[in-house]
Amino acid sequence: MTPKKSDFRCLDRMRVRWAEVDLQKIVFNAHYLMYFDTALAALWRGFAADYHPTMALMDGDLYVKKVSIEYFASAEYDDVIDVGLRCARIGNSSITLQGGIFRGQQLLVTGELIYVFADPHSQTSKPVPPGLRRLYEGFDAGEQMVQQRLGNWQTLGDGSTALRHQVFAQEQGIAPDLMCDAHDATGVHAVFVNLLEQPIACGRLVHESASCGRIGRMAVARPLRSSGLGGQLLQSLVEASRQRGDCAVTLHAQVSAQSFYEKHGFTAQGPVFDEAGIPHIEMQKTF
């Protein structure tokens, strides 16, 4: 059946670049494979999962078995196109994806991509793990892929620590002994997890004073940044501060993220200062 744009929950928007156009002044046919491959990253963002850690967790990887493409019309230079992917079938060890590339509502190209789940060392096929099935089937069924947990350090500390280490220590080079402190034991913690219970975002709320809260230790897994997840995390902590009766909430924002916090109603207070070797600025939101 010929797919419609509305059939796809995952649609990755792209713009045709000059280097992708051939001497006929249309997109060279092989680039449509690249478009589908690029959209796979968007599909995994839709899963709220990081591909490589997830494959390591499942002790396997996905390998292309077969790809077929059918052309209906051509994309041209500087066209805006939407690349859709959806799961068509999951077998014992294979996953079949259906793809569609659209300019507006016009279907340009369809594709079928068959992957096999296999051992990464021997590359022999293995049964598709239940968790991987759940990601694909849950996403296409419209399931909520992210769940929010709000609680104390005893309950949420493990997930927060793992994500802090990944973002602050590994990515930003902050000393590991600065990851946690005494405020963790008394703070309110927010952790977002995906369907596999993997932590993908975390933050905390502590007391700045009797009537003011302080948000900190905000971290979002790298593949899911700019997906709106950070904003959801921030708003959940702001709301926790509001509900407990705070008059305002403050935070130390990395200067590179100042505009993000401004979009959520925070205003800068005072000069830039150094914290853990990174320029920061204090910001506040009043209720």
C-alpha atoms as a PDB file:
ATOM      1  CA  MET A   1       0.000   0.000   0.000  1.00  0.00           C
ATOM      2  CA  THR A   2       1.346   3.418  -0.942  1.00  0.00           C
ATOM      3  CA  PRO A   3       2.093   5.310   2.284  1.00  0.00           C
ATOM      4  CA  LYS A   4       0.724   8.729   3.181  1.00  0.00           C
ATOM      5  CA  LYS A   5       2.592  11.320   5.185  1.00  0.00           C
ATOM      6  CA  SER A   6       0.124  10.900   8.043  1.00  0.00           C
ATOM      7  CA  ASP A   7       1.131   7.230   8.351  1.00  0.00           C
ATOM      8  CA  PHE A   8       4.438   8.206   9.946  1.00  0.00           C
ATOM      9  CA  ARG A   9       4.870   9.286  13.551  1.00  0.00           C
ATOM     10  CA  CYS A  10       8.564   9.876  12.808  1.00  0.00           C
ATOM     11  CA  LEU A  11       9.134  12.594  10.184  1.00  0.00           C
ATOM     12  CA  ASP A  12      12.611  14.080   9.898  1.00  0.00           C
ATOM     13  CA  ARG A  13      12.730  17.399   8.018  1.00  0.00           C
ATOM     14  CA  MET A  14      15.728  18.044   5.778  1.00  0.00           C
ATOM     15  CA  ARG A  15      16.744  20.465   3.031  1.00  0.00           C
ATOM     16  CA  VAL A  16      18.367  19.270  -0.182  1.00  0.00           C
ATOM     17  CA  ARG A  17      21.971  20.470  -0.434  1.00  0.00           C
ATOM     18  CA  TRP A  18      23.832  21.449  -3.597  1.00  0.00           C
ATOM     19  CA  ALA A  19      26.193  18.478  -3.296  1.00  0.00           C
ATOM     20  CA  GLU A  20      23.222  16.069  -3.478  1.00  0.00           C
ATOM     21  CA  VAL A  21      22.046  17.203  -6.930  1.00  0.00           C
ATOM     22  CA  ASP A  22      23.337  15.521 -10.107  1.00  0.00           C
ATOM     23  CA  LEU A  23      23.810  16.725 -13.691  1.00  0.00           C
ATOM     24  CA  GLN A  24      20.075  16.336 -14.298  1.00  0.00           C
ATOM     25  CA  LYS A  25      19.557  18.992 -11.588  1.00  0.00           C
ATOM     26  CA  ILE A  26      17.672  16.563  -9.374  1.00  0.00           C
ATOM     27  CA  VAL A  27      18.746  14.598  -6.298  1.00  0.00           C
ATOM     28  CA  PHE A  28      21.117  11.786  -7.276  1.00  0.00           C
ATOM     29  CA  ASN A  29      19.277   8.527  -6.639  1.00  0.00           C
ATOM     30  CA  ALA A  30      21.751   7.120  -4.088  1.00  0.00           C
ATOM     31  CA  HIS A  31      21.251  10.081  -1.757  1.00  0.00           C
ATOM     32  CA  TYR A  32      17.744   8.902  -0.911  1.00  0.00           C
ATOM     33  CA  LEU A  33      19.382   6.016   0.961  1.00  0.00           C
ATOM     34  CA  MET A  34      21.353   8.581   2.946  1.00  0.00           C
ATOM     35  CA  TYR A  35      18.119  10.432   3.754  1.00  0.00           C
ATOM     36  CA  PHE A  36      16.580   7.253   5.155  1.00  0.00           C
ATOM     37  CA  ASP A  37      19.742   6.480   7.093  1.00  0.00           C
ATOM     38  CA  THR A  38      19.796   9.991   8.557  1.00  0.00           C
ATOM     39  CA  ALA A  39      16.145   9.660   9.580  1.00  0.00           C
ATOM     40  CA  LEU A  40      17.067   6.597  11.650  1.00  0.00           C
ATOM     41  CA  ALA A  41      18.671   8.968  14.174  1.00  0.00           C
ATOM     42  CA  ALA A  42      15.382  10.875  14.365  1.00  0.00           C
ATOM     43  CA  LEU A  43      13.535   7.598  14.932  1.00  0.00           C
ATOM     44  CA  TRP A  44      15.793   6.779  17.874  1.00  0.00           C
ATOM     45  CA  ARG A  45      15.268  10.266  19.269  1.00  0.00           C
ATOM     46  CA  GLY A  46      11.573   9.470  19.030  1.00  0.00           C
ATOM     47  CA  PHE A  47      12.273   6.331  21.064  1.00  0.00           C
ATOM     48  CA  ALA A  48      13.975   8.621  23.656  1.00  0.00           C
ATOM     49  CA  ALA A  49      16.921   6.231  23.504  1.00  0.00           C
ATOM     50  CA  ASP A  50      20.631   6.465  22.755  1.00  0.00           C
ATOM     51  CA  TYR A  51      21.391   3.864  20.060  1.00  0.00           C
ATOM     52  CA  HIS A  52      24.882   2.697  21.057  1.00  0.00           C
ATOM     53  CA  PRO A  53      24.311   2.226  24.816  1.00  0.00           C
ATOM     54  CA  THR A  54      21.034   0.483  24.022  1.00  0.00           C
ATOM     55  CA  MET A  55      22.708  -1.967  21.653  1.00  0.00           C
ATOM     56  CA  ALA A  56      25.425  -2.606  24.245  1.00  0.00           C
ATOM     57  CA  LEU A  57      22.739  -3.257  26.851  1.00  0.00           C
ATOM     58  CA  MET A  58      21.119  -5.807  24.540  1.00  0.00           C
ATOM     59  CA  ASP A  59      24.443  -7.416  23.593  1.00  0.00           C
ATOM     60  CA  GLY A  60      23.856  -7.055  19.859  1.00  0.00           C
ATOM     61  CA  ASP A  61      23.570  -4.659  16.947  1.00  0.00           C
ATOM     62  CA  LEU A  62      21.426  -4.063  13.865  1.00  0.00           C
ATOM     63  CA  TYR A  63      22.856  -4.848  10.421  1.00  0.00           C
ATOM     64  CA  VAL A  64      21.351  -3.983   7.052  1.00  0.00           C
ATOM     65  CA  LYS A  65      20.157  -7.094   5.203  1.00  0.00           C
ATOM     66  CA  LYS A  66      18.246  -5.608   2.290  1.00  0.00           C
ATOM     67  CA  VAL A  67      17.129  -2.195   1.027  1.00  0.00           C
ATOM     68  CA  SER A  68      14.747  -1.468  -1.827  1.00  0.00           C
ATOM     69  CA  ILE A  69      13.623   1.925  -3.144  1.00  0.00           C
ATOM     70  CA  GLU A  70      10.873   2.968  -5.522  1.00  0.00           C
ATOM     71  CA  TYR A  71      10.946   6.407  -7.168  1.00  0.00           C
ATOM     72  CA  PHE A  72       7.807   8.415  -7.982  1.00  0.00           C
ATOM     73  CA  ALA A  73       9.155  11.958  -8.398  1.00  0.00           C
ATOM     74  CA  SER A  74      12.403  13.839  -7.877  1.00  0.00           C
ATOM     75  CA  ALA A  75      13.527  16.236  -5.198  1.00  0.00           C
ATOM     76  CA  GLU A  76      15.434  19.297  -6.377  1.00  0.00           C
ATOM     77  CA  TYR A  77      18.037  21.654  -4.960  1.00  0.00           C
ATOM     78  CA  ASP A  78      16.914  23.491  -1.795  1.00  0.00           C
ATOM     79  CA  ASP A  79      13.657  21.540  -1.524  1.00  0.00           C
ATOM     80  CA  VAL A  80      12.391  20.955   2.006  1.00  0.00           C
ATOM     81  CA  ILE A  81      11.619  17.260   2.374  1.00  0.00           C
ATOM     82  CA  ASP A  82      10.166  15.142   5.188  1.00  0.00           C
ATOM     83  CA  VAL A  83      11.586  11.644   5.601  1.00  0.00           C
ATOM     84  CA  GLY A  84       9.282   9.204   7.380  1.00  0.00           C
ATOM     85  CA  LEU A  85      10.102   5.838   8.919  1.00  0.00           C
ATOM     86  CA  ARG A  86       7.850   3.320  10.602  1.00  0.00           C
ATOM     87  CA  CYS A  87       8.121  -0.291  11.705  1.00  0.00           C
ATOM     88  CA  ALA A  88       6.300  -2.555   9.262  1.00  0.00           C
ATOM     89  CA  ARG A  89       7.205  -5.938  10.768  1.00  0.00           C
ATOM     90  CA  ILE A  90       9.328  -7.569  13.445  1.00  0.00           C
ATOM     91  CA  GLY A  91      10.276 -11.175  12.824  1.00  0.00           C
ATOM     92  CA  ASN A  92      12.355 -13.525  14.948  1.00  0.00           C
ATOM     93  CA  SER A  93      15.644 -11.742  14.242  1.00  0.00           C
ATOM     94  CA  SER A  94      14.690  -9.125  11.641  1.00  0.00           C
ATOM     95  CA  ILE A  95      13.073  -5.690  11.698  1.00  0.00           C
ATOM     96  CA  THR A  96      11.485  -4.277   8.544  1.00  0.00           C
ATOM     97  CA  LEU A  97      11.057  -0.537   8.261  1.00  0.00           C
ATOM     98  CA  GLN A  98       8.862   1.247   5.736  1.00  0.00           C
ATOM     99  CA  GLY A  99      10.037   4.647   4.561  1.00  0.00           C
ATOM    100  CA  GLY A 100       8.523   7.535   2.676  1.00  0.00           C
ATOM    101  CA  ILE A 101      10.036  10.809   1.454  1.00  0.00           C
ATOM    102  CA  PHE A 102       7.663  13.719   0.896  1.00  0.00           C
ATOM    103  CA  ARG A 103       7.781  17.246  -0.498  1.00  0.00           C
ATOM    104  CA  GLY A 104       4.779  18.799   1.171  1.00  0.00           C
ATOM    105  CA  GLN A 105       2.146  16.072   0.781  1.00  0.00           C
ATOM    106  CA  GLN A 106       3.647  14.761  -2.467  1.00  0.00           C
ATOM    107  CA  LEU A 107       5.224  11.326  -2.185  1.00  0.00           C
ATOM    108  CA  LEU A 108       8.618  11.279  -3.899  1.00  0.00           C
ATOM    109  CA  VAL A 109      10.186   7.985  -2.834  1.00  0.00           C
ATOM    110  CA  THR A 110       9.288   4.893  -0.843  1.00  0.00           C
ATOM    111  CA  GLY A 111      11.706   2.480   0.739  1.00  0.00           C
ATOM    112  CA  GLU A 112      11.854  -0.832   2.553  1.00  0.00           C
ATOM    113  CA  LEU A 113      14.787  -1.404   4.891  1.00  0.00           C
ATOM    114  CA  ILE A 114      15.361  -4.819   6.462  1.00  0.00           C
ATOM    115  CA  TYR A 115      17.707  -5.100   9.443  1.00  0.00           C
ATOM    116  CA  VAL A 116      18.902  -8.188  11.267  1.00  0.00           C
ATOM    117  CA  PHE A 117      19.732  -8.187  14.964  1.00  0.00           C
ATOM    118  CA  ALA A 118      23.032 -10.016  15.387  1.00  0.00           C
ATOM    119  CA  ASP A 119      26.001 -10.672  17.615  1.00  0.00           C
ATOM    120  CA  PRO A 120      28.486  -7.817  16.973  1.00  0.00           C
ATOM    121  CA  HIS A 121      31.490 -10.147  17.116  1.00  0.00           C
ATOM    122  CA  SER A 122      30.392 -13.152  15.070  1.00  0.00           C
ATOM    123  CA  GLN A 123      27.655 -11.214  13.175  1.00  0.00           C
ATOM    124  CA  THR A 124      25.386 -14.239  13.487  1.00  0.00           C
ATOM    125  CA  SER A 125      21.699 -13.461  13.911  1.00  0.00           C
ATOM    126  CA  LYS A 126      20.016 -13.435  17.312  1.00  0.00           C
ATOM    127  CA  PRO A 127      16.350 -13.085  18.347  1.00  0.00           C
ATOM    128  CA  VAL A 128      15.185  -9.490  18.578  1.00  0.00           C
ATOM    129  CA  PRO A 129      15.189  -8.682  22.338  1.00  0.00           C
ATOM    130  CA  PRO A 130      11.814  -7.905  23.964  1.00  0.00           C
ATOM    131  CA  GLY A 131      13.024  -4.420  24.932  1.00  0.00           C
ATOM    132  CA  LEU A 132      13.891  -3.558  21.338  1.00  0.00           C
ATOM    133  CA  ARG A 133      10.513  -4.843  20.183  1.00  0.00           C
ATOM    134  CA  ARG A 134       8.847  -2.639  22.760  1.00  0.00           C
ATOM    135  CA  LEU A 135      10.631   0.483  21.517  1.00  0.00           C
ATOM    136  CA  TYR A 136       9.570  -0.015  17.895  1.00  0.00           C
ATOM    137  CA  GLU A 137       6.045  -1.229  18.608  1.00  0.00           C
ATOM    138  CA  GLY A 138       5.384   1.268  21.397  1.00  0.00           C
ATOM    139  CA  PHE A 139       6.484   4.233  19.306  1.00  0.00           C
ATOM    140  CA  ASP A 140       4.306   3.353  16.319  1.00  0.00           C
ATOM    141  CA  ALA A 141       1.379   2.623  18.647  1.00  0.00           C
ATOM    142  CA  GLY A 142       1.604   6.195  19.953  1.00  0.00           C
ATOM    143  CA  GLU A 143       2.824   5.258  23.413  1.00  0.00           C
ATOM    144  CA  GLN A 144       4.337   7.914  25.664  1.00  0.00           C
ATOM    145  CA  MET A 145       8.042   7.140  25.366  1.00  0.00           C
ATOM    146  CA  VAL A 146       9.209   9.202  28.355  1.00  0.00           C
ATOM    147  CA  GLN A 147       8.157   8.860  31.980  1.00  0.00           C
ATOM    148  CA  GLN A 148       8.921  11.374  34.718  1.00  0.00           C
ATOM    149  CA  ARG A 149      10.016  10.294  38.179  1.00  0.00           C
ATOM    150  CA  LEU A 150      10.013  12.825  41.025  1.00  0.00           C
ATOM    151  CA  GLY A 151      11.413  11.740  44.371  1.00  0.00           C
ATOM    152  CA  ASN A 152      14.350  11.572  46.768  1.00  0.00           C
ATOM    153  CA  TRP A 153      18.002  10.633  46.323  1.00  0.00           C
ATOM    154  CA  GLN A 154      17.515   7.177  47.799  1.00  0.00           C
ATOM    155  CA  THR A 155      15.045   6.341  45.026  1.00  0.00           C
ATOM    156  CA  LEU A 156      16.537   8.230  42.081  1.00  0.00           C
ATOM    157  CA  GLY A 157      20.211   8.621  42.957  1.00  0.00           C
ATOM    158  CA  ASP A 158      21.541   5.790  40.798  1.00  0.00           C
ATOM    159  CA  GLY A 159      19.991   7.112  37.597  1.00  0.00           C
ATOM    160  CA  SER A 160      21.018  10.691  38.358  1.00  0.00           C
ATOM    161  CA  THR A 161      24.610   9.734  39.149  1.00  0.00           C
ATOM    162  CA  ALA A 162      25.014   7.743  35.926  1.00  0.00           C
ATOM    163  CA  LEU A 163      23.704  10.589  33.765  1.00  0.00           C
ATOM    164  CA  ARG A 164      25.682  13.265  35.599  1.00  0.00           C
ATOM    165  CA  HIS A 165      28.864  11.281  35.053  1.00  0.00           C
ATOM    166  CA  GLN A 166      28.102  10.927  31.351  1.00  0.00           C
ATOM    167  CA  VAL A 167      27.321  14.612  30.790  1.00  0.00           C
ATOM    168  CA  PHE A 168      29.475  16.462  33.310  1.00  0.00           C
ATOM    169  CA  ALA A 169      32.542  14.241  33.703  1.00  0.00           C
ATOM    170  CA  GLN A 170      32.853  12.565  30.301  1.00  0.00           C
ATOM    171  CA  GLU A 171      31.609  15.390  28.054  1.00  0.00           C
ATOM    172  CA  GLN A 172      32.533  18.546  29.974  1.00  0.00           C
ATOM    173  CA  GLY A 173      35.604  17.351  31.858  1.00  0.00           C
ATOM    174  CA  ILE A 174      34.287  18.322  35.296  1.00  0.00           C
ATOM    175  CA  ALA A 175      35.989  16.506  38.173  1.00  0.00           C
ATOM    176  CA  PRO A 176      33.991  13.403  39.175  1.00  0.00           C
ATOM    177  CA  ASP A 177      34.097  14.379  42.865  1.00  0.00           C
ATOM    178  CA  LEU A 178      31.946  17.413  42.014  1.00  0.00           C
ATOM    179  CA  MET A 179      29.137  15.264  40.615  1.00  0.00           C
ATOM    180  CA  CYS A 180      27.366  14.839  43.953  1.00  0.00           C
ATOM    181  CA  ASP A 181      27.259  16.733  47.248  1.00  0.00           C
ATOM    182  CA  ALA A 182      25.483  16.868  50.604  1.00  0.00           C
ATOM    183  CA  HIS A 183      22.472  18.703  49.107  1.00  0.00           C
ATOM    184  CA  ASP A 184      21.502  15.555  47.183  1.00  0.00           C
ATOM    185  CA  ALA A 185      20.301  13.877  50.387  1.00  0.00           C
ATOM    186  CA  THR A 186      17.742  16.623  51.102  1.00  0.00           C
ATOM    187  CA  GLY A 187      16.815  17.714  47.575  1.00  0.00           C
ATOM    188  CA  VAL A 188      13.879  16.880  45.324  1.00  0.00           C
ATOM    189  CA  HIS A 189      15.109  14.981  42.275  1.00  0.00           C
ATOM    190  CA  ALA A 190      13.569  14.619  38.823  1.00  0.00           C
ATOM    191  CA  VAL A 191      14.654  11.816  36.515  1.00  0.00           C
ATOM    192  CA  PHE A 192      13.141  11.105  33.108  1.00  0.00           C
ATOM    193  CA  VAL A 193      13.418   7.530  31.835  1.00  0.00           C
ATOM    194  CA  ASN A 194      12.502   5.825  28.573  1.00  0.00           C
ATOM    195  CA  LEU A 195      10.594   2.581  28.077  1.00  0.00           C
ATOM    196  CA  LEU A 196      13.744   0.610  28.922  1.00  0.00           C
ATOM    197  CA  GLU A 197      14.077   2.462  32.249  1.00  0.00           C
ATOM    198  CA  GLN A 198      17.261   4.172  31.000  1.00  0.00           C
ATOM    199  CA  PRO A 199      17.772   7.639  32.569  1.00  0.00           C
ATOM    200  CA  ILE A 200      17.772  10.289  29.841  1.00  0.00           C
ATOM    201  CA  ALA A 201      17.407  13.536  31.814  1.00  0.00           C
ATOM    202  CA  CYS A 202      17.874  14.544  35.435  1.00  0.00           C
ATOM    203  CA  GLY A 203      17.950  17.567  37.727  1.00  0.00           C
ATOM    204  CA  ARG A 204      17.366  18.539  41.335  1.00  0.00           C
ATOM    205  CA  LEU A 205      15.694  21.203  43.487  1.00  0.00           C
ATOM    206  CA  VAL A 206      17.208  22.256  46.817  1.00  0.00           C
ATOM    207  CA  HIS A 207      16.518  25.060  49.285  1.00  0.00           C
ATOM    208  CA  GLU A 208      18.339  28.335  48.594  1.00  0.00           C
ATOM    209  CA  SER A 209      16.546  29.912  51.570  1.00  0.00           C
ATOM    210  CA  ALA A 210      13.300  29.482  53.466  1.00  0.00           C
ATOM    211  CA  SER A 211      11.288  30.924  50.570  1.00  0.00           C
ATOM    212  CA  CYS A 212      13.537  30.324  47.559  1.00  0.00           C
ATOM    213  CA  GLY A 213      14.542  27.152  45.725  1.00  0.00           C
ATOM    214  CA  ARG A 214      17.614  26.430  43.650  1.00  0.00           C
ATOM    215  CA  ILE A 215      17.615  24.184  40.581  1.00  0.00           C
ATOM    216  CA  GLY A 216      20.825  22.444  39.623  1.00  0.00           C
ATOM    217  CA  ARG A 217      22.609  19.397  38.222  1.00  0.00           C
ATOM    218  CA  MET A 218      20.472  19.612  35.051  1.00  0.00           C
ATOM    219  CA  ALA A 219      21.638  17.013  32.520  1.00  0.00           C
ATOM    220  CA  VAL A 220      20.133  15.614  29.307  1.00  0.00           C
ATOM    221  CA  ALA A 221      21.558  12.707  27.294  1.00  0.00           C
ATOM    222  CA  ARG A 222      23.378  14.057  24.235  1.00  0.00           C
ATOM    223  CA  PRO A 223      21.182  12.544  21.457  1.00  0.00           C
ATOM    224  CA  LEU A 224      18.035  13.998  23.044  1.00  0.00           C
ATOM    225  CA  ARG A 225      19.121  17.620  23.357  1.00  0.00           C
ATOM    226  CA  SER A 226      17.053  20.155  21.394  1.00  0.00           C
ATOM    227  CA  SER A 227      14.134  17.707  21.553  1.00  0.00           C
ATOM    228  CA  GLY A 228      12.186  19.650  24.188  1.00  0.00           C
ATOM    229  CA  LEU A 229      13.170  17.236  26.952  1.00  0.00           C
ATOM    230  CA  GLY A 230      15.299  19.811  28.779  1.00  0.00           C
ATOM    231  CA  GLY A 231      12.389  22.223  28.864  1.00  0.00           C
ATOM    232  CA  GLN A 232      10.093  19.555  30.305  1.00  0.00           C
ATOM    233  CA  LEU A 233      12.661  18.750  32.976  1.00  0.00           C
ATOM    234  CA  LEU A 234      13.098  22.396  33.913  1.00  0.00           C
ATOM    235  CA  GLN A 235       9.354  23.007  34.103  1.00  0.00           C
ATOM    236  CA  SER A 236       8.843  19.981  36.363  1.00  0.00           C
ATOM    237  CA  LEU A 237      11.422  21.337  38.828  1.00  0.00           C
ATOM    238  CA  VAL A 238       9.999  24.876  38.642  1.00  0.00           C
ATOM    239  CA  GLU A 239       6.542  23.480  39.367  1.00  0.00           C
ATOM    240  CA  ALA A 240       7.879  21.461  42.326  1.00  0.00           C
ATOM    241  CA  SER A 241       9.340  24.692  43.721  1.00  0.00           C
ATOM    242  CA  ARG A 242       6.070  26.552  43.185  1.00  0.00           C
ATOM    243  CA  GLN A 243       3.971  23.814  44.803  1.00  0.00           C
ATOM    244  CA  ARG A 244       6.027  23.732  47.985  1.00  0.00           C
ATOM    245  CA  GLY A 245       5.441  27.465  48.440  1.00  0.00           C
ATOM    246  CA  ASP A 246       8.668  29.068  47.215  1.00  0.00           C
ATOM    247  CA  CYS A 247       8.445  32.714  46.144  1.00  0.00           C
ATOM    248  CA  ALA A 248      11.241  32.317  43.588  1.00  0.00           C
ATOM    249  CA  VAL A 249      13.674  29.797  42.168  1.00  0.00           C
ATOM    250  CA  THR A 250      17.289  30.407  41.152  1.00  0.00           C
ATOM    251  CA  LEU A 251      19.948  28.509  39.253  1.00  0.00           C
ATOM    252  CA  HIS A 252      23.518  28.797  38.036  1.00  0.00           C
ATOM    253  CA  ALA A 253      23.294  28.613  34.248  1.00  0.00           C
ATOM    254  CA  GLN A 254      26.220  27.833  32.010  1.00  0.00           C
ATOM    255  CA  VAL A 255      26.558  30.964  29.862  1.00  0.00           C
ATOM    256  CA  SER A 256      26.173  28.859  26.712  1.00  0.00           C
ATOM    257  CA  ALA A 257      22.684  27.865  27.944  1.00  0.00           C
ATOM    258  CA  GLN A 258      21.557  31.310  29.120  1.00  0.00           C
ATOM    259  CA  SER A 259      19.118  31.814  26.234  1.00  0.00           C
ATOM    260  CA  PHE A 260      17.480  28.447  27.003  1.00  0.00           C
ATOM    261  CA  TYR A 261      16.643  29.544  30.539  1.00  0.00           C
ATOM    262  CA  GLU A 262      15.514  32.982  29.368  1.00  0.00           C
ATOM    263  CA  LYS A 263      12.930  31.280  27.148  1.00  0.00           C
ATOM    264  CA  HIS A 264      11.531  29.694  30.302  1.00  0.00           C
ATOM    265  CA  GLY A 265      11.154  32.956  32.204  1.00  0.00           C
ATOM    266  CA  PHE A 266      14.495  33.212  34.012  1.00  0.00           C
ATOM    267  CA  THR A 267      16.406  36.505  34.119  1.00  0.00           C
ATOM    268  CA  ALA A 268      20.125  37.025  34.686  1.00  0.00           C
ATOM    269  CA  GLN A 269      21.307  38.342  38.053  1.00  0.00           C
ATOM    270  CA  GLY A 270      24.813  39.783  38.401  1.00  0.00           C
ATOM    271  CA  PRO A 271      28.059  39.167  36.516  1.00  0.00           C
ATOM    272  CA  VAL A 272      29.467  36.038  34.900  1.00  0.00           C
ATOM    273  CA  PHE A 273      31.533  33.855  37.242  1.00  0.00           C
ATOM    274  CA  ASP A 274      33.562  30.671  37.045  1.00  0.00           C
ATOM    275  CA  GLU A 275      32.181  27.418  38.426  1.00  0.00           C
ATOM    276  CA  ALA A 276      34.028  24.117  37.908  1.00  0.00           C
ATOM    277  CA  GLY A 277      36.067  25.812  35.181  1.00  0.00           C
ATOM    278  CA  ILE A 278      33.002  26.831  33.137  1.00  0.00           C
ATOM    279  CA  PRO A 279      31.536  30.388  32.826  1.00  0.00           C
ATOM    280  CA  HIS A 280      28.187  30.620  34.654  1.00  0.00           C
ATOM    281  CA  ILE A 281      25.637  33.284  35.444  1.00  0.00           C
ATOM    282  CA  GLU A 282      23.034  33.327  38.196  1.00  0.00           C
ATOM    283  CA  MET A 283      19.436  33.444  36.977  1.00  0.00           C
ATOM    284  CA  GLN A 284      16.124  33.749  38.807  1.00  0.00           C
ATOM    285  CA  LYS A 285      12.426  33.249  38.215  1.00  0.00           C
ATOM    286  CA  THR A 286       9.864  34.728  40.596  1.00  0.00           C
ATOM    287  CA  PHE A 287       6.357  33.382  41.150  1.00  0.00           C
END
